[in-house]
PDB file of N, CA and C in Angstrom:
ATOM      1  N   MET A   1      38.166  -8.521 -20.930  1.00  0.00           N
ATOM      2  CA  MET A   1      37.890  -7.183 -21.937  1.00  0.00           C
ATOM      3  C   MET A   1      39.329  -6.693 -22.090  1.00  0.00           C
ATOM      4  N   LYS A   2      39.294  -6.514 -23.631  1.00  0.00           N
ATOM      5  CA  LYS A   2      40.638  -6.055 -24.377  1.00  0.00           C
ATOM      6  C   LYS A   2      40.761  -4.544 -23.851  1.00  0.00           C
ATOM      7  N   LYS A   3      41.972  -4.134 -24.111  1.00  0.00           N
ATOM      8  CA  LYS A   3      42.197  -2.820 -23.860  1.00  0.00           C
ATOM      9  C   LYS A   3      41.445  -1.737 -24.528  1.00  0.00           C
ATOM     10  N   MET A   4      41.215  -1.986 -25.856  1.00  0.00           N
ATOM     11  CA  MET A   4      40.518  -1.036 -26.862  1.00  0.00           C
ATOM     12  C   MET A   4      38.945  -1.255 -26.340  1.00  0.00           C
ATOM     13  N   ASP A   5      38.376  -2.524 -26.008  1.00  0.00           N
ATOM     14  CA  ASP A   5      37.075  -2.392 -25.399  1.00  0.00           C
ATOM     15  C   ASP A   5      36.972  -1.570 -24.248  1.00  0.00           C
ATOM     16  N   LYS A   6      37.969  -1.479 -23.337  1.00  0.00           N
ATOM     17  CA  LYS A   6      37.648  -0.913 -21.954  1.00  0.00           C
ATOM     18  C   LYS A   6      37.679   0.603 -22.356  1.00  0.00           C
ATOM     19  N   LYS A   7      38.413   1.120 -23.350  1.00  0.00           N
ATOM     20  CA  LYS A   7      38.375   2.437 -23.883  1.00  0.00           C
ATOM     21  C   LYS A   7      36.933   2.820 -24.277  1.00  0.00           C
ATOM     22  N   VAL A   8      36.460   2.019 -25.081  1.00  0.00           N
ATOM     23  CA  VAL A   8      35.292   2.110 -25.859  1.00  0.00           C
ATOM     24  C   VAL A   8      34.143   2.032 -24.529  1.00  0.00           C
ATOM     25  N   ASP A   9      34.190   1.119 -23.825  1.00  0.00           N
ATOM     26  CA  ASP A   9      33.090   1.092 -22.816  1.00  0.00           C
ATOM     27  C   ASP A   9      33.454   2.476 -21.781  1.00  0.00           C
ATOM     28  N   ASN A  10      34.548   3.027 -21.419  1.00  0.00           N
ATOM     29  CA  ASN A  10      34.728   4.032 -20.791  1.00  0.00           C
ATOM     30  C   ASN A  10      34.130   5.245 -21.288  1.00  0.00           C
ATOM     31  N   ALA A  11      34.180   5.390 -22.737  1.00  0.00           N
ATOM     32  CA  ALA A  11      33.739   6.643 -23.365  1.00  0.00           C
ATOM     33  C   ALA A  11      32.048   6.377 -23.670  1.00  0.00           C
ATOM     34  N   LEU A  12      31.743   4.980 -23.699  1.00  0.00           N
ATOM     35  CA  LEU A  12      30.221   4.790 -23.805  1.00  0.00           C
ATOM     36  C   LEU A  12      29.687   5.216 -22.501  1.00  0.00           C
ATOM     37  N   ARG A  13      30.085   4.963 -21.381  1.00  0.00           N
ATOM     38  CA  ARG A  13      29.478   5.141 -19.848  1.00  0.00           C
ATOM     39  C   ARG A  13      29.662   6.636 -19.808  1.00  0.00           C
ATOM     40  N   GLY A  14      30.628   7.142 -20.228  1.00  0.00           N
ATOM     41  CA  GLY A  14      30.615   8.565 -19.891  1.00  0.00           C
ATOM     42  C   GLY A  14      29.546   9.570 -20.554  1.00  0.00           C
ATOM     43  N   ALA A  15      29.389   8.939 -21.910  1.00  0.00           N
ATOM     44  CA  ALA A  15      28.519   9.519 -22.726  1.00  0.00           C
ATOM     45  C   ALA A  15      26.876   9.358 -22.110  1.00  0.00           C
ATOM     46  N   LEU A  16      26.668   8.159 -21.838  1.00  0.00           N
ATOM     47  CA  LEU A  16      25.441   7.804 -21.353  1.00  0.00           C
ATOM     48  C   LEU A  16      25.308   8.476 -19.919  1.00  0.00           C
ATOM     49  N   THR A  17      26.262   8.469 -19.331  1.00  0.00           N
ATOM     50  CA  THR A  17      25.879   9.167 -17.948  1.00  0.00           C
ATOM     51  C   THR A  17      25.710  10.803 -18.175  1.00  0.00           C
ATOM     52  N   GLU A  18      26.254  11.276 -19.035  1.00  0.00           N
ATOM     53  CA  GLU A  18      25.712  12.713 -19.444  1.00  0.00           C
ATOM     54  C   GLU A  18      24.220  12.689 -19.933  1.00  0.00           C
ATOM     55  N   VAL A  19      23.868  11.823 -20.870  1.00  0.00           N
ATOM     56  CA  VAL A  19      22.493  11.762 -21.130  1.00  0.00           C
ATOM     57  C   VAL A  19      21.637  11.642 -20.003  1.00  0.00           C
ATOM     58  N   CYS A  20      21.773  10.783 -19.011  1.00  0.00           N
ATOM     59  CA  CYS A  20      21.034  10.369 -17.971  1.00  0.00           C
ATOM     60  C   CYS A  20      20.875  11.672 -17.010  1.00  0.00           C
ATOM     61  N   GLU A  21      22.202  12.284 -16.736  1.00  0.00           N
ATOM     62  CA  GLU A  21      22.029  13.559 -16.033  1.00  0.00           C
ATOM     63  C   GLU A  21      21.094  14.811 -16.586  1.00  0.00           C
ATOM     64  N   LEU A  22      21.080  14.996 -18.077  1.00  0.00           N
ATOM     65  CA  LEU A  22      20.426  15.835 -18.871  1.00  0.00           C
ATOM     66  C   LEU A  22      18.820  15.254 -18.677  1.00  0.00           C
ATOM     67  N   ALA A  23      18.571  14.039 -18.867  1.00  0.00           N
ATOM     68  CA  ALA A  23      17.215  13.593 -19.113  1.00  0.00           C
ATOM     69  C   ALA A  23      16.435  13.602 -17.782  1.00  0.00           C
ATOM     70  N   ILE A  24      16.990  13.325 -16.789  1.00  0.00           N
ATOM     71  CA  ILE A  24      16.520  13.303 -15.488  1.00  0.00           C
ATOM     72  C   ILE A  24      15.991  14.719 -15.242  1.00  0.00           C
ATOM     73  N   ASP A  25      16.505  15.800 -15.678  1.00  0.00           N
ATOM     74  CA  ASP A  25      16.134  17.184 -15.368  1.00  0.00           C
ATOM     75  C   ASP A  25      14.992  17.534 -16.484  1.00  0.00           C
ATOM     76  N   GLU A  26      15.204  16.929 -17.664  1.00  0.00           N
ATOM     77  CA  GLU A  26      14.480  17.690 -18.819  1.00  0.00           C
ATOM     78  C   GLU A  26      13.227  16.657 -19.309  1.00  0.00           C
ATOM     79  N   VAL A  27      13.076  15.435 -19.244  1.00  0.00           N
ATOM     80  CA  VAL A  27      12.219  14.619 -19.394  1.00  0.00           C
ATOM     81  C   VAL A  27      11.288  13.968 -18.216  1.00  0.00           C
ATOM     82  N   SER A  28      10.129  14.318 -18.210  1.00  0.00           N
ATOM     83  CA  SER A  28       9.226  13.963 -17.068  1.00  0.00           C
ATOM     84  C   SER A  28       8.826  12.617 -17.242  1.00  0.00           C
ATOM     85  N   GLY A  29       9.365  11.985 -15.988  1.00  0.00           N
ATOM     86  CA  GLY A  29       9.030  10.603 -15.765  1.00  0.00           C
ATOM     87  C   GLY A  29      10.218   9.580 -16.018  1.00  0.00           C
ATOM     88  N   PHE A  30      11.018  10.295 -16.592  1.00  0.00           N
ATOM     89  CA  PHE A  30      12.526   9.501 -16.792  1.00  0.00           C
ATOM     90  C   PHE A  30      13.153   9.364 -15.562  1.00  0.00           C
ATOM     91  N   GLU A  31      13.604   8.166 -15.298  1.00  0.00           N
ATOM     92  CA  GLU A  31      14.202   7.603 -14.039  1.00  0.00           C
ATOM     93  C   GLU A  31      15.714   7.216 -14.382  1.00  0.00           C
ATOM     94  N   TRP A  32      16.009   6.297 -15.158  1.00  0.00           N
ATOM     95  CA  TRP A  32      17.371   5.764 -15.367  1.00  0.00           C
ATOM     96  C   TRP A  32      17.556   5.316 -16.655  1.00  0.00           C
ATOM     97  N   LEU A  33      18.664   4.995 -16.937  1.00  0.00           N
ATOM     98  CA  LEU A  33      18.883   4.196 -18.367  1.00  0.00           C
ATOM     99  C   LEU A  33      20.136   3.176 -18.215  1.00  0.00           C
ATOM    100  N   THR A  34      20.253   2.192 -18.901  1.00  0.00           N
ATOM    101  CA  THR A  34      21.359   1.167 -18.831  1.00  0.00           C
ATOM    102  C   THR A  34      21.607   0.795 -20.251  1.00  0.00           C
ATOM    103  N   HIS A  35      22.640   0.046 -20.432  1.00  0.00           N
ATOM    104  CA  HIS A  35      23.181  -0.394 -21.780  1.00  0.00           C
ATOM    105  C   HIS A  35      23.554  -1.846 -21.753  1.00  0.00           C
ATOM    106  N   PHE A  36      23.569  -2.453 -23.020  1.00  0.00           N
ATOM    107  CA  PHE A  36      24.143  -3.803 -23.225  1.00  0.00           C
ATOM    108  C   PHE A  36      25.045  -3.830 -24.450  1.00  0.00           C
ATOM    109  N   SER A  37      25.999  -4.644 -24.473  1.00  0.00           N
ATOM    110  CA  SER A  37      26.709  -4.550 -25.648  1.00  0.00           C
ATOM    111  C   SER A  37      27.585  -5.671 -25.733  1.00  0.00           C
ATOM    112  N   ASN A  38      27.814  -6.253 -26.903  1.00  0.00           N
ATOM    113  CA  ASN A  38      28.855  -7.274 -26.990  1.00  0.00           C
ATOM    114  C   ASN A  38      30.033  -6.758 -27.810  1.00  0.00           C
ATOM    115  N   TYR A  39      30.943  -6.539 -27.408  1.00  0.00           N
ATOM    116  CA  TYR A  39      32.221  -5.755 -27.895  1.00  0.00           C
ATOM    117  C   TYR A  39      32.930  -6.328 -29.136  1.00  0.00           C
ATOM    118  N   ARG A  40      32.579  -7.679 -29.374  1.00  0.00           N
ATOM    119  CA  ARG A  40      33.004  -8.392 -30.341  1.00  0.00           C
ATOM    120  C   ARG A  40      32.293  -7.813 -31.756  1.00  0.00           C
ATOM    121  N   ASP A  41      31.025  -7.272 -31.469  1.00  0.00           N
ATOM    122  CA  ASP A  41      30.054  -6.842 -32.426  1.00  0.00           C
ATOM    123  C   ASP A  41      29.701  -5.577 -32.154  1.00  0.00           C
ATOM    124  N   PHE A  42      30.387  -4.597 -31.857  1.00  0.00           N
ATOM    125  CA  PHE A  42      30.091  -3.182 -31.381  1.00  0.00           C
ATOM    126  C   PHE A  42      30.351  -2.312 -32.630  1.00  0.00           C
ATOM    127  N   PRO A  43      29.489  -1.212 -32.926  1.00  0.00           N
ATOM    128  CA  PRO A  43      28.267  -0.907 -32.185  1.00  0.00           C
ATOM    129  C   PRO A  43      27.102  -1.394 -32.543  1.00  0.00           C
ATOM    130  N   ALA A  44      27.126  -2.341 -33.357  1.00  0.00           N
ATOM    131  CA  ALA A  44      25.859  -2.958 -33.795  1.00  0.00           C
ATOM    132  C   ALA A  44      25.135  -3.805 -33.050  1.00  0.00           C
ATOM    133  N   SER A  45      25.859  -4.098 -31.754  1.00  0.00           N
ATOM    134  CA  SER A  45      25.172  -4.951 -30.701  1.00  0.00           C
ATOM    135  C   SER A  45      24.631  -3.929 -29.687  1.00  0.00           C
ATOM    136  N   LEU A  46      24.992  -2.752 -29.612  1.00  0.00           N
ATOM    137  CA  LEU A  46      24.728  -1.922 -28.482  1.00  0.00           C
ATOM    138  C   LEU A  46      23.088  -1.691 -28.476  1.00  0.00           C
ATOM    139  N   LEU A  47      22.810  -1.558 -27.216  1.00  0.00           N
ATOM    140  CA  LEU A  47      21.198  -1.444 -26.755  1.00  0.00           C
ATOM    141  C   LEU A  47      21.174  -0.601 -25.533  1.00  0.00           C
ATOM    142  N   VAL A  48      20.513   0.540 -25.837  1.00  0.00           N
ATOM    143  CA  VAL A  48      20.255   1.513 -24.544  1.00  0.00           C
ATOM    144  C   VAL A  48      18.875   1.201 -24.363  1.00  0.00           C
ATOM    145  N   VAL A  49      18.656   1.090 -22.695  1.00  0.00           N
ATOM    146  CA  VAL A  49      16.941   0.901 -22.436  1.00  0.00           C
ATOM    147  C   VAL A  49      16.943   2.212 -21.660  1.00  0.00           C
ATOM    148  N   CYS A  50      16.036   3.211 -21.818  1.00  0.00           N
ATOM    149  CA  CYS A  50      15.509   4.189 -21.122  1.00  0.00           C
ATOM    150  C   CYS A  50      14.432   3.725 -20.234  1.00  0.00           C
ATOM    151  N   VAL A  51      14.387   4.028 -18.909  1.00  0.00           N
ATOM    152  CA  VAL A  51      13.311   3.682 -17.939  1.00  0.00           C
ATOM    153  C   VAL A  51      12.700   4.709 -17.472  1.00  0.00           C
ATOM    154  N   PHE A  52      11.225   4.611 -17.514  1.00  0.00           N
ATOM    155  CA  PHE A  52      10.471   5.538 -16.908  1.00  0.00           C
ATOM    156  C   PHE A  52       9.751   4.969 -15.750  1.00  0.00           C
ATOM    157  N   SER A  53       9.045   5.827 -14.780  1.00  0.00           N
ATOM    158  CA  SER A  53       8.456   5.279 -13.849  1.00  0.00           C
ATOM    159  C   SER A  53       7.236   4.583 -14.168  1.00  0.00           C
ATOM    160  N   THR A  54       6.309   5.189 -14.878  1.00  0.00           N
ATOM    161  CA  THR A  54       5.159   4.554 -15.215  1.00  0.00           C
ATOM    162  C   THR A  54       4.669   4.433 -16.874  1.00  0.00           C
ATOM    163  N   LYS A  55       3.986   3.306 -17.041  1.00  0.00           N
ATOM    164  CA  LYS A  55       3.407   3.440 -18.599  1.00  0.00           C
ATOM    165  C   LYS A  55       2.932   4.626 -18.944  1.00  0.00           C
ATOM    166  N   ASP A  56       1.925   5.348 -18.186  1.00  0.00           N
ATOM    167  CA  ASP A  56       1.234   6.721 -18.609  1.00  0.00           C
ATOM    168  C   ASP A  56       2.497   7.850 -18.847  1.00  0.00           C
ATOM    169  N   GLU A  57       3.557   7.619 -17.857  1.00  0.00           N
ATOM    170  CA  GLU A  57       4.660   8.585 -18.006  1.00  0.00           C
ATOM    171  C   GLU A  57       5.313   8.452 -19.490  1.00  0.00           C
ATOM    172  N   LEU A  58       5.533   7.252 -19.744  1.00  0.00           N
ATOM    173  CA  LEU A  58       6.156   6.902 -21.072  1.00  0.00           C
ATOM    174  C   LEU A  58       5.388   7.219 -22.194  1.00  0.00           C
ATOM    175  N   VAL A  59       4.062   6.929 -22.120  1.00  0.00           N
ATOM    176  CA  VAL A  59       3.153   7.329 -23.168  1.00  0.00           C
ATOM    177  C   VAL A  59       3.133   8.793 -23.381  1.00  0.00           C
ATOM    178  N   ASN A  60       3.070   9.796 -22.440  1.00  0.00           N
ATOM    179  CA  ASN A  60       3.025  11.012 -22.354  1.00  0.00           C
ATOM    180  C   ASN A  60       4.315  11.321 -22.928  1.00  0.00           C
ATOM    181  N   ALA A  61       5.587  10.799 -22.796  1.00  0.00           N
ATOM    182  CA  ALA A  61       6.856  11.338 -23.332  1.00  0.00           C
ATOM    183  C   ALA A  61       6.890  11.064 -24.697  1.00  0.00           C
ATOM    184  N   GLN A  62       6.097   9.697 -25.213  1.00  0.00           N
ATOM    185  CA  GLN A  62       5.906   9.691 -26.586  1.00  0.00           C
ATOM    186  C   GLN A  62       5.144  10.458 -27.288  1.00  0.00           C
ATOM    187  N   ASN A  63       4.037  10.941 -26.594  1.00  0.00           N
ATOM    188  CA  ASN A  63       3.071  11.889 -27.307  1.00  0.00           C
ATOM    189  C   ASN A  63       3.678  13.272 -27.464  1.00  0.00           C
ATOM    190  N   THR A  64       4.539  13.569 -26.749  1.00  0.00           N
ATOM    191  CA  THR A  64       5.195  14.888 -26.750  1.00  0.00           C
ATOM    192  C   THR A  64       6.730  14.912 -27.338  1.00  0.00           C
ATOM    193  N   GLN A  65       6.953  13.720 -28.072  1.00  0.00           N
ATOM    194  CA  GLN A  65       8.042  13.543 -28.666  1.00  0.00           C
ATOM    195  C   GLN A  65       9.434  13.752 -27.921  1.00  0.00           C
ATOM    196  N   GLN A  66       9.129  13.342 -26.494  1.00  0.00           N
ATOM    197  CA  GLN A  66      10.366  13.159 -25.635  1.00  0.00           C
ATOM    198  C   GLN A  66      11.405  11.782 -25.990  1.00  0.00           C
ATOM    199  N   ASP A  67      10.620  11.033 -26.334  1.00  0.00           N
ATOM    200  CA  ASP A  67      11.520   9.576 -27.031  1.00  0.00           C
ATOM    201  C   ASP A  67      12.322  10.096 -27.773  1.00  0.00           C
ATOM    202  N   ASP A  68      11.939  10.846 -28.997  1.00  0.00           N
ATOM    203  CA  ASP A  68      12.708  11.389 -29.924  1.00  0.00           C
ATOM    204  C   ASP A  68      13.839  12.224 -29.409  1.00  0.00           C
ATOM    205  N   TYR A  69      13.370  13.204 -28.572  1.00  0.00           N
ATOM    206  CA  TYR A  69      14.389  13.980 -27.929  1.00  0.00           C
ATOM    207  C   TYR A  69      15.856  13.063 -27.276  1.00  0.00           C
ATOM    208  N   LEU A  70      15.193  11.871 -26.377  1.00  0.00           N
ATOM    209  CA  LEU A  70      16.220  11.047 -25.677  1.00  0.00           C
ATOM    210  C   LEU A  70      17.051  10.267 -26.869  1.00  0.00           C
ATOM    211  N   ARG A  71      16.443   9.773 -28.080  1.00  0.00           N
ATOM    212  CA  ARG A  71      17.289   9.143 -28.929  1.00  0.00           C
ATOM    213  C   ARG A  71      18.121  10.210 -29.639  1.00  0.00           C
ATOM    214  N   GLU A  72      17.815  11.344 -29.967  1.00  0.00           N
ATOM    215  CA  GLU A  72      18.761  12.433 -30.632  1.00  0.00           C
ATOM    216  C   GLU A  72      19.872  12.657 -29.466  1.00  0.00           C
ATOM    217  N   LEU A  73      19.558  12.798 -28.177  1.00  0.00           N
ATOM    218  CA  LEU A  73      20.552  13.073 -27.314  1.00  0.00           C
ATOM    219  C   LEU A  73      21.600  12.135 -27.207  1.00  0.00           C
ATOM    220  N   ILE A  74      21.036  10.786 -26.995  1.00  0.00           N
ATOM    221  CA  ILE A  74      21.951   9.501 -26.931  1.00  0.00           C
ATOM    222  C   ILE A  74      22.947   9.654 -28.308  1.00  0.00           C
ATOM    223  N   HIS A  75      22.348   9.750 -29.324  1.00  0.00           N
ATOM    224  CA  HIS A  75      23.056   9.893 -30.709  1.00  0.00           C
ATOM    225  C   HIS A  75      24.057  10.905 -30.554  1.00  0.00           C
ATOM    226  N   ASP A  76      23.689  12.001 -30.195  1.00  0.00           N
ATOM    227  CA  ASP A  76      24.755  13.190 -30.029  1.00  0.00           C
ATOM    228  C   ASP A  76      25.919  12.925 -28.958  1.00  0.00           C
ATOM    229  N   LYS A  77      25.640  12.551 -27.970  1.00  0.00           N
ATOM    230  CA  LYS A  77      26.573  12.365 -27.012  1.00  0.00           C
ATOM    231  C   LYS A  77      27.404  10.847 -27.396  1.00  0.00           C
ATOM    232  N   LEU A  78      26.991  10.100 -28.022  1.00  0.00           N
ATOM    233  CA  LEU A  78      27.693   9.109 -28.391  1.00  0.00           C
ATOM    234  C   LEU A  78      28.697   9.571 -29.742  1.00  0.00           C
ATOM    235  N   SER A  79      28.155  10.199 -30.305  1.00  0.00           N
ATOM    236  CA  SER A  79      28.927  10.866 -31.662  1.00  0.00           C
ATOM    237  C   SER A  79      29.842  11.636 -30.975  1.00  0.00           C
ATOM    238  N   ALA A  80      29.742  12.515 -29.970  1.00  0.00           N
ATOM    239  CA  ALA A  80      30.848  13.242 -29.359  1.00  0.00           C
ATOM    240  C   ALA A  80      31.963  12.470 -28.719  1.00  0.00           C
ATOM    241  N   ALA A  81      31.453  11.084 -28.363  1.00  0.00           N
ATOM    242  CA  ALA A  81      32.494  10.272 -27.877  1.00  0.00           C
ATOM    243  C   ALA A  81      32.998   9.160 -29.110  1.00  0.00           C
ATOM    244  N   ASN A  82      32.752   9.663 -30.148  1.00  0.00           N
ATOM    245  CA  ASN A  82      33.425   9.061 -31.459  1.00  0.00           C
ATOM    246  C   ASN A  82      32.971   7.463 -31.447  1.00  0.00           C
ATOM    247  N   ILE A  83      31.549   7.321 -31.152  1.00  0.00           N
ATOM    248  CA  ILE A  83      31.019   6.269 -31.180  1.00  0.00           C
ATOM    249  C   ILE A  83      29.844   6.359 -32.266  1.00  0.00           C
ATOM    250  N   GLN A  84      29.830   5.684 -33.547  1.00  0.00           N
ATOM    251  CA  GLN A  84      28.948   6.091 -34.383  1.00  0.00           C
ATOM    252  C   GLN A  84      28.047   5.180 -34.698  1.00  0.00           C
ATOM    253  N   ILE A  85      26.677   5.621 -34.615  1.00  0.00           N
ATOM    254  CA  ILE A  85      25.405   4.749 -34.664  1.00  0.00           C
ATOM    255  C   ILE A  85      24.762   5.209 -36.045  1.00  0.00           C
ATOM    256  N   LYS A  86      24.373   4.250 -36.758  1.00  0.00           N
ATOM    257  CA  LYS A  86      23.699   4.742 -38.077  1.00  0.00           C
ATOM    258  C   LYS A  86      22.269   4.904 -37.936  1.00  0.00           C
ATOM    259  N   ASP A  87      21.618   3.992 -37.309  1.00  0.00           N
ATOM    260  CA  ASP A  87      19.999   4.109 -36.941  1.00  0.00           C
ATOM    261  C   ASP A  87      19.840   4.130 -35.479  1.00  0.00           C
ATOM    262  N   ILE A  88      19.714   5.012 -34.724  1.00  0.00           N
ATOM    263  CA  ILE A  88      19.615   5.202 -33.389  1.00  0.00           C
ATOM    264  C   ILE A  88      18.406   4.395 -32.839  1.00  0.00           C
ATOM    265  N   ARG A  89      17.299   4.452 -33.755  1.00  0.00           N
ATOM    266  CA  ARG A  89      16.140   3.817 -33.378  1.00  0.00           C
ATOM    267  C   ARG A  89      16.193   2.430 -32.972  1.00  0.00           C
ATOM    268  N   GLN A  90      17.038   1.537 -33.668  1.00  0.00           N
ATOM    269  CA  GLN A  90      17.299   0.193 -33.514  1.00  0.00           C
ATOM    270  C   GLN A  90      17.997   0.038 -32.232  1.00  0.00           C
ATOM    271  N   HIS A  91      18.727   0.954 -31.540  1.00  0.00           N
ATOM    272  CA  HIS A  91      19.572   0.805 -30.496  1.00  0.00           C
ATOM    273  C   HIS A  91      19.115   1.239 -28.901  1.00  0.00           C
ATOM    274  N   VAL A  92      17.792   1.947 -29.169  1.00  0.00           N
ATOM    275  CA  VAL A  92      17.213   2.674 -28.094  1.00  0.00           C
ATOM    276  C   VAL A  92      15.909   1.953 -27.747  1.00  0.00           C
ATOM    277  N   LYS A  93      15.612   1.508 -26.530  1.00  0.00           N
ATOM    278  CA  LYS A  93      14.385   0.982 -26.246  1.00  0.00           C
ATOM    279  C   LYS A  93      13.945   1.605 -25.137  1.00  0.00           C
ATOM    280  N   PHE A  94      12.639   1.482 -24.735  1.00  0.00           N
ATOM    281  CA  PHE A  94      11.984   2.307 -23.572  1.00  0.00           C
ATOM    282  C   PHE A  94      11.295   0.963 -22.747  1.00  0.00           C
ATOM    283  N   ASP A  95      11.304   1.213 -21.313  1.00  0.00           N
ATOM    284  CA  ASP A  95      10.667   0.331 -20.379  1.00  0.00           C
ATOM    285  C   ASP A  95      10.117   1.368 -19.302  1.00  0.00           C
ATOM    286  N   THR A  96       9.378   0.399 -18.159  1.00  0.00           N
ATOM    287  CA  THR A  96       9.005   1.382 -17.076  1.00  0.00           C
ATOM    288  C   THR A  96       9.301   0.445 -15.970  1.00  0.00           C
ATOM    289  N   GLU A  97       9.395   1.139 -14.701  1.00  0.00           N
ATOM    290  CA  GLU A  97       9.537   0.242 -13.429  1.00  0.00           C
ATOM    291  C   GLU A  97       8.261  -0.364 -13.196  1.00  0.00           C
ATOM    292  N   GLU A  98       7.167   0.229 -13.653  1.00  0.00           N
ATOM    293  CA  GLU A  98       5.684  -0.223 -13.487  1.00  0.00           C
ATOM    294  C   GLU A  98       5.629  -1.582 -13.974  1.00  0.00           C
ATOM    295  N   ALA A  99       6.141  -1.602 -15.293  1.00  0.00           N
ATOM    296  CA  ALA A  99       5.970  -2.962 -15.896  1.00  0.00           C
ATOM    297  C   ALA A  99       7.006  -3.970 -15.339  1.00  0.00           C
ATOM    298  N   CYS A 100       8.089  -3.663 -15.021  1.00  0.00           N
ATOM    299  CA  CYS A 100       8.960  -4.673 -14.514  1.00  0.00           C
ATOM    300  C   CYS A 100       8.415  -4.868 -12.998  1.00  0.00           C
ATOM    301  N   GLU A 101       7.982  -4.115 -12.293  1.00  0.00           N
ATOM    302  CA  GLU A 101       7.312  -4.641 -11.008  1.00  0.00           C
ATOM    303  C   GLU A 101       6.149  -5.830 -11.270  1.00  0.00           C
ATOM    304  N   LYS A 102       5.319  -5.358 -12.052  1.00  0.00           N
ATOM    305  CA  LYS A 102       4.113  -6.415 -12.750  1.00  0.00           C
ATOM    306  C   LYS A 102       4.502  -7.512 -12.954  1.00  0.00           C
ATOM    307  N   GLU A 103       5.591  -7.576 -14.113  1.00  0.00           N
ATOM    308  CA  GLU A 103       5.833  -8.802 -14.927  1.00  0.00           C
ATOM    309  C   GLU A 103       6.862  -9.525 -14.382  1.00  0.00           C
ATOM    310  N   HIS A 104       7.777  -8.882 -13.575  1.00  0.00           N
ATOM    311  CA  HIS A 104       9.032  -9.514 -13.109  1.00  0.00           C
ATOM    312  C   HIS A 104       9.313  -9.187 -11.687  1.00  0.00           C
ATOM    313  N   ALA A 105       8.361  -8.858 -11.029  1.00  0.00           N
ATOM    314  CA  ALA A 105       8.284  -8.553  -9.357  1.00  0.00           C
ATOM    315  C   ALA A 105       9.606  -7.681  -9.396  1.00  0.00           C
ATOM    316  N   GLY A 106       9.826  -6.595  -9.980  1.00  0.00           N
ATOM    317  CA  GLY A 106      11.034  -5.885  -9.915  1.00  0.00           C
ATOM    318  C   GLY A 106      12.326  -6.236 -10.036  1.00  0.00           C
ATOM    319  N   LYS A 107      12.428  -7.498 -10.565  1.00  0.00           N
ATOM    320  CA  LYS A 107      13.832  -8.078 -10.691  1.00  0.00           C
ATOM    321  C   LYS A 107      14.079  -7.803 -12.083  1.00  0.00           C
ATOM    322  N   TRP A 108      15.025  -6.498 -12.421  1.00  0.00           N
ATOM    323  CA  TRP A 108      15.394  -6.070 -13.700  1.00  0.00           C
ATOM    324  C   TRP A 108      16.393  -7.278 -14.402  1.00  0.00           C
ATOM    325  N   ASN A 109      17.184  -7.863 -13.574  1.00  0.00           N
ATOM    326  CA  ASN A 109      18.120  -8.888 -14.145  1.00  0.00           C
ATOM    327  C   ASN A 109      17.448  -9.841 -14.834  1.00  0.00           C
ATOM    328  N   GLU A 110      16.080 -10.481 -14.291  1.00  0.00           N
ATOM    329  CA  GLU A 110      15.520 -11.422 -14.949  1.00  0.00           C
ATOM    330  C   GLU A 110      14.696 -10.687 -16.426  1.00  0.00           C
ATOM    331  N   ARG A 111      14.263  -9.375 -16.270  1.00  0.00           N
ATOM    332  CA  ARG A 111      13.612  -8.951 -17.272  1.00  0.00           C
ATOM    333  C   ARG A 111      14.608  -8.635 -18.473  1.00  0.00           C
ATOM    334  N   PHE A 112      15.909  -7.995 -18.157  1.00  0.00           N
ATOM    335  CA  PHE A 112      16.744  -8.005 -19.210  1.00  0.00           C
ATOM    336  C   PHE A 112      17.241  -9.183 -19.821  1.00  0.00           C
ATOM    337  N   ARG A 113      16.925 -10.415 -19.346  1.00  0.00           N
ATOM    338  CA  ARG A 113      17.302 -11.672 -19.808  1.00  0.00           C
ATOM    339  C   ARG A 113      16.439 -12.050 -21.259  1.00  0.00           C
ATOM    340  N   ARG A 114      15.201 -11.417 -21.136  1.00  0.00           N
ATOM    341  CA  ARG A 114      14.299 -11.801 -22.211  1.00  0.00           C
ATOM    342  C   ARG A 114      14.740 -11.215 -23.553  1.00  0.00           C
TER     343      ARG A 114
END
């Protein structure tokens, strides 16, 4: 990883850690998040995955616009870290522990390869 990539990665991880800490307290059913990126095509390649406990909790979050709140929070924290994303909807996806357990026997590394 290049020196500049490390700086961006540190800023990105810091911003997403802040998001995670806030979301755990504020969004019912939210469990954790992770991200993926190819730094040769950053920020276009950035993908943030927000994970909820169950499908019902994710649906409830969507019905109460908590998914929009998470996207906005992610966008705001990334912007504060000088990471500019044009359309945050293209960079944030949602998943559930329940779906991973059912479809991939809880093996997130296999699930994320899809």
